[in-house]
Amino acid sequence: MEFNNRQKKKLLKTNAIIEDIFDNGNIKKYNITTMEADVIARVYSNIVMGNSGRTINGRVKEFFENEGYKIKEDGIGWKINV
């Protein structure tokens, strides 16, 4: 999947946050748990691979919502796209 410049910028910003969490240990800075950090990384990976990310965790949804991602209800959770 090809991403436009706006989407690439959003993905790079999210990648920097994920690196800050996992490489620098700044998880408390983002007010998330380690489980939520893992789910955020998994959802991000799915998006980069060209698929929709899915979660049932409200705080993960809020993280991506705050970063400007498109959120759509999907069953008991949400589908997340760039």
N, C-alpha and C. Protein backbone atom coordinates (compact mmCIF):
# COMPACT_ATOMS: atom_id res chain seq x y z
N MET A 1 0.85 -1.18 0.00
CA MET A 1 0.00 0.00 0.00
C MET A 1 0.88 1.24 0.00
N GLU A 2 0.52 2.18 -0.81
CA GLU A 2 1.23 3.46 -0.87
C GLU A 2 0.54 4.47 0.03
N PHE A 3 1.33 5.18 0.78
CA PHE A 3 0.80 6.22 1.67
C PHE A 3 1.15 7.59 1.09
N ASN A 4 0.23 8.54 1.24
CA ASN A 4 0.53 9.90 0.79
C ASN A 4 1.40 10.59 1.85
N ASN A 5 1.86 11.79 1.55
CA ASN A 5 2.78 12.49 2.45
C ASN A 5 2.20 12.75 3.83
N ARG A 6 0.91 13.10 3.88
CA ARG A 6 0.26 13.36 5.17
C ARG A 6 0.23 12.08 6.00
N GLN A 7 -0.10 10.97 5.36
CA GLN A 7 -0.15 9.69 6.06
C GLN A 7 1.24 9.26 6.51
N LYS A 8 2.25 9.47 5.67
CA LYS A 8 3.62 9.12 6.03
C LYS A 8 4.08 9.90 7.26
N LYS A 9 3.74 11.19 7.28
CA LYS A 9 4.12 12.04 8.41
C LYS A 9 3.48 11.53 9.70
N LYS A 10 2.20 11.14 9.61
CA LYS A 10 1.47 10.62 10.76
C LYS A 10 2.10 9.31 11.24
N LEU A 11 2.43 8.43 10.29
CA LEU A 11 3.05 7.15 10.64
C LEU A 11 4.43 7.34 11.27
N LEU A 12 5.21 8.28 10.74
CA LEU A 12 6.53 8.53 11.31
C LEU A 12 6.43 9.08 12.73
N LYS A 13 5.45 9.94 12.97
CA LYS A 13 5.25 10.48 14.32
C LYS A 13 4.87 9.36 15.28
N THR A 14 3.97 8.49 14.86
CA THR A 14 3.57 7.36 15.70
C THR A 14 4.74 6.43 15.95
N ASN A 15 5.55 6.18 14.92
CA ASN A 15 6.73 5.33 15.08
C ASN A 15 7.69 5.94 16.10
N ALA A 16 7.86 7.24 16.08
CA ALA A 16 8.74 7.90 17.04
C ALA A 16 8.21 7.73 18.47
N ILE A 17 6.90 7.79 18.65
CA ILE A 17 6.30 7.59 19.97
C ILE A 17 6.53 6.16 20.43
N ILE A 18 6.31 5.20 19.53
CA ILE A 18 6.52 3.79 19.88
C ILE A 18 7.98 3.53 20.25
N GLU A 19 8.90 4.12 19.51
CA GLU A 19 10.33 3.99 19.86
C GLU A 19 10.63 4.61 21.21
N ASP A 20 10.01 5.76 21.50
CA ASP A 20 10.20 6.42 22.78
C ASP A 20 9.71 5.53 23.92
N ILE A 21 8.61 4.86 23.70
CA ILE A 21 8.05 3.97 24.73
C ILE A 21 8.95 2.76 24.95
N PHE A 22 9.31 2.07 23.86
CA PHE A 22 10.03 0.81 23.99
C PHE A 22 11.54 0.98 24.16
N ASP A 23 12.14 1.95 23.47
CA ASP A 23 13.59 2.11 23.54
C ASP A 23 14.04 2.97 24.71
N ASN A 24 13.23 3.98 25.05
CA ASN A 24 13.61 4.91 26.11
C ASN A 24 12.85 4.67 27.41
N GLY A 25 11.87 3.78 27.39
CA GLY A 25 11.13 3.46 28.60
C GLY A 25 10.21 4.56 29.09
N ASN A 26 9.76 5.42 28.20
CA ASN A 26 8.91 6.55 28.60
C ASN A 26 7.42 6.22 28.53
N ILE A 27 7.05 5.07 29.03
CA ILE A 27 5.66 4.63 28.95
C ILE A 27 4.72 5.52 29.78
N LYS A 28 5.17 5.98 30.93
CA LYS A 28 4.32 6.81 31.80
C LYS A 28 4.02 8.16 31.16
N LYS A 29 4.91 8.63 30.31
CA LYS A 29 4.73 9.90 29.62
C LYS A 29 3.44 9.88 28.79
N TYR A 30 3.07 8.71 28.29
CA TYR A 30 1.90 8.57 27.42
C TYR A 30 0.68 8.02 28.15
N ASN A 31 0.81 7.81 29.46
CA ASN A 31 -0.30 7.37 30.31
C ASN A 31 -0.95 6.08 29.81
N ILE A 32 -0.10 5.10 29.49
CA ILE A 32 -0.59 3.80 29.03
C ILE A 32 0.11 2.69 29.80
N THR A 33 -0.47 1.50 29.78
CA THR A 33 0.15 0.34 30.43
C THR A 33 1.03 -0.40 29.43
N THR A 34 1.80 -1.35 29.92
CA THR A 34 2.66 -2.13 29.01
C THR A 34 1.82 -2.95 28.03
N MET A 35 0.69 -3.48 28.49
CA MET A 35 -0.19 -4.22 27.58
C MET A 35 -0.72 -3.31 26.48
N GLU A 36 -1.11 -2.10 26.84
CA GLU A 36 -1.61 -1.15 25.85
C GLU A 36 -0.51 -0.75 24.88
N ALA A 37 0.72 -0.63 25.36
CA ALA A 37 1.85 -0.31 24.48
C ALA A 37 2.05 -1.43 23.46
N ASP A 38 1.94 -2.67 23.89
CA ASP A 38 2.06 -3.80 22.97
C ASP A 38 0.95 -3.78 21.92
N VAL A 39 -0.27 -3.47 22.34
CA VAL A 39 -1.39 -3.42 21.40
C VAL A 39 -1.19 -2.27 20.42
N ILE A 40 -0.72 -1.13 20.90
CA ILE A 40 -0.45 0.02 20.01
C ILE A 40 0.58 -0.37 18.96
N ALA A 41 1.64 -1.05 19.37
CA ALA A 41 2.67 -1.48 18.43
C ALA A 41 2.10 -2.47 17.41
N ARG A 42 1.24 -3.38 17.85
CA ARG A 42 0.63 -4.36 16.94
C ARG A 42 -0.30 -3.68 15.94
N VAL A 43 -1.13 -2.77 16.42
CA VAL A 43 -2.04 -2.04 15.54
C VAL A 43 -1.25 -1.23 14.52
N TYR A 44 -0.20 -0.54 14.99
CA TYR A 44 0.64 0.25 14.10
C TYR A 44 1.27 -0.64 13.02
N SER A 45 1.76 -1.79 13.41
CA SER A 45 2.37 -2.73 12.48
C SER A 45 1.37 -3.18 11.42
N ASN A 46 0.15 -3.47 11.83
CA ASN A 46 -0.89 -3.85 10.87
C ASN A 46 -1.18 -2.74 9.88
N ILE A 47 -1.21 -1.51 10.36
CA ILE A 47 -1.48 -0.36 9.48
C ILE A 47 -0.34 -0.20 8.47
N VAL A 48 0.89 -0.29 8.92
CA VAL A 48 2.05 -0.15 8.04
C VAL A 48 2.06 -1.24 6.97
N MET A 49 1.58 -2.43 7.33
CA MET A 49 1.53 -3.54 6.38
C MET A 49 0.37 -3.39 5.38
N GLY A 50 -0.44 -2.35 5.53
CA GLY A 50 -1.53 -2.09 4.60
C GLY A 50 -2.88 -2.61 5.04
N ASN A 51 -2.96 -3.11 6.26
CA ASN A 51 -4.22 -3.60 6.80
C ASN A 51 -4.79 -2.60 7.80
N SER A 52 -6.02 -2.83 8.21
CA SER A 52 -6.59 -2.03 9.28
C SER A 52 -6.13 -2.61 10.61
N GLY A 53 -5.86 -1.74 11.56
CA GLY A 53 -5.60 -2.19 12.91
C GLY A 53 -6.91 -2.32 13.65
N ARG A 54 -7.00 -3.27 14.55
CA ARG A 54 -8.22 -3.46 15.33
C ARG A 54 -7.88 -3.57 16.80
N THR A 55 -8.77 -3.02 17.64
CA THR A 55 -8.58 -3.12 19.09
C THR A 55 -9.94 -3.07 19.78
N ILE A 56 -9.97 -3.65 20.97
CA ILE A 56 -11.15 -3.52 21.82
C ILE A 56 -10.82 -2.66 23.04
N ASN A 57 -9.59 -2.16 23.10
CA ASN A 57 -9.13 -1.36 24.23
C ASN A 57 -9.41 0.12 23.95
N GLY A 58 -10.21 0.74 24.82
CA GLY A 58 -10.57 2.14 24.65
C GLY A 58 -9.41 3.10 24.72
N ARG A 59 -8.42 2.80 25.55
CA ARG A 59 -7.28 3.71 25.67
C ARG A 59 -6.38 3.63 24.45
N VAL A 60 -6.31 2.46 23.82
CA VAL A 60 -5.56 2.32 22.56
C VAL A 60 -6.28 3.12 21.47
N LYS A 61 -7.59 3.00 21.44
CA LYS A 61 -8.39 3.79 20.48
C LYS A 61 -8.14 5.28 20.68
N GLU A 62 -8.15 5.73 21.94
CA GLU A 62 -7.92 7.15 22.24
C GLU A 62 -6.53 7.59 21.80
N PHE A 63 -5.53 6.73 21.98
CA PHE A 63 -4.17 7.06 21.55
C PHE A 63 -4.16 7.38 20.05
N PHE A 64 -4.73 6.48 19.25
CA PHE A 64 -4.73 6.68 17.80
C PHE A 64 -5.65 7.84 17.40
N GLU A 65 -6.73 8.02 18.12
CA GLU A 65 -7.64 9.13 17.86
C GLU A 65 -6.91 10.46 18.08
N ASN A 66 -6.14 10.54 19.16
CA ASN A 66 -5.38 11.76 19.45
C ASN A 66 -4.30 12.03 18.42
N GLU A 67 -3.83 10.98 17.74
CA GLU A 67 -2.81 11.13 16.71
C GLU A 67 -3.42 11.40 15.34
N GLY A 68 -4.75 11.48 15.26
CA GLY A 68 -5.42 11.85 14.03
C GLY A 68 -5.77 10.70 13.10
N TYR A 69 -5.77 9.48 13.60
CA TYR A 69 -6.13 8.33 12.78
C TYR A 69 -7.64 8.24 12.64
N LYS A 70 -8.08 7.55 11.59
CA LYS A 70 -9.51 7.34 11.36
C LYS A 70 -9.96 6.14 12.18
N ILE A 71 -11.01 6.34 12.96
CA ILE A 71 -11.54 5.31 13.84
C ILE A 71 -12.97 4.98 13.41
N LYS A 72 -13.25 3.69 13.30
CA LYS A 72 -14.60 3.25 12.93
C LYS A 72 -14.99 2.09 13.84
N GLU A 73 -16.20 2.14 14.36
CA GLU A 73 -16.68 1.04 15.20
C GLU A 73 -16.71 -0.24 14.39
N ASP A 74 -16.30 -1.34 15.05
CA ASP A 74 -16.23 -2.64 14.38
C ASP A 74 -16.56 -3.71 15.41
N GLY A 75 -17.82 -4.14 15.44
CA GLY A 75 -18.25 -5.11 16.44
C GLY A 75 -18.16 -4.51 17.83
N ILE A 76 -17.42 -5.19 18.73
CA ILE A 76 -17.27 -4.67 20.09
C ILE A 76 -16.08 -3.75 20.24
N GLY A 77 -15.34 -3.54 19.16
CA GLY A 77 -14.14 -2.69 19.21
C GLY A 77 -14.13 -1.65 18.12
N TRP A 78 -12.92 -1.36 17.64
CA TRP A 78 -12.73 -0.32 16.64
C TRP A 78 -11.74 -0.77 15.58
N LYS A 79 -11.95 -0.26 14.38
CA LYS A 79 -11.04 -0.44 13.26
C LYS A 79 -10.29 0.87 13.10
N ILE A 80 -8.97 0.80 12.97
CA ILE A 80 -8.14 2.00 12.92
C ILE A 80 -7.38 2.03 11.61
N ASN A 81 -7.46 3.16 10.92
CA ASN A 81 -6.75 3.39 9.65
C ASN A 81 -6.06 4.74 9.68
N VAL A 82 -5.04 4.86 8.86
CA VAL A 82 -4.29 6.11 8.80
C VAL A 82 -5.05 7.15 8.00
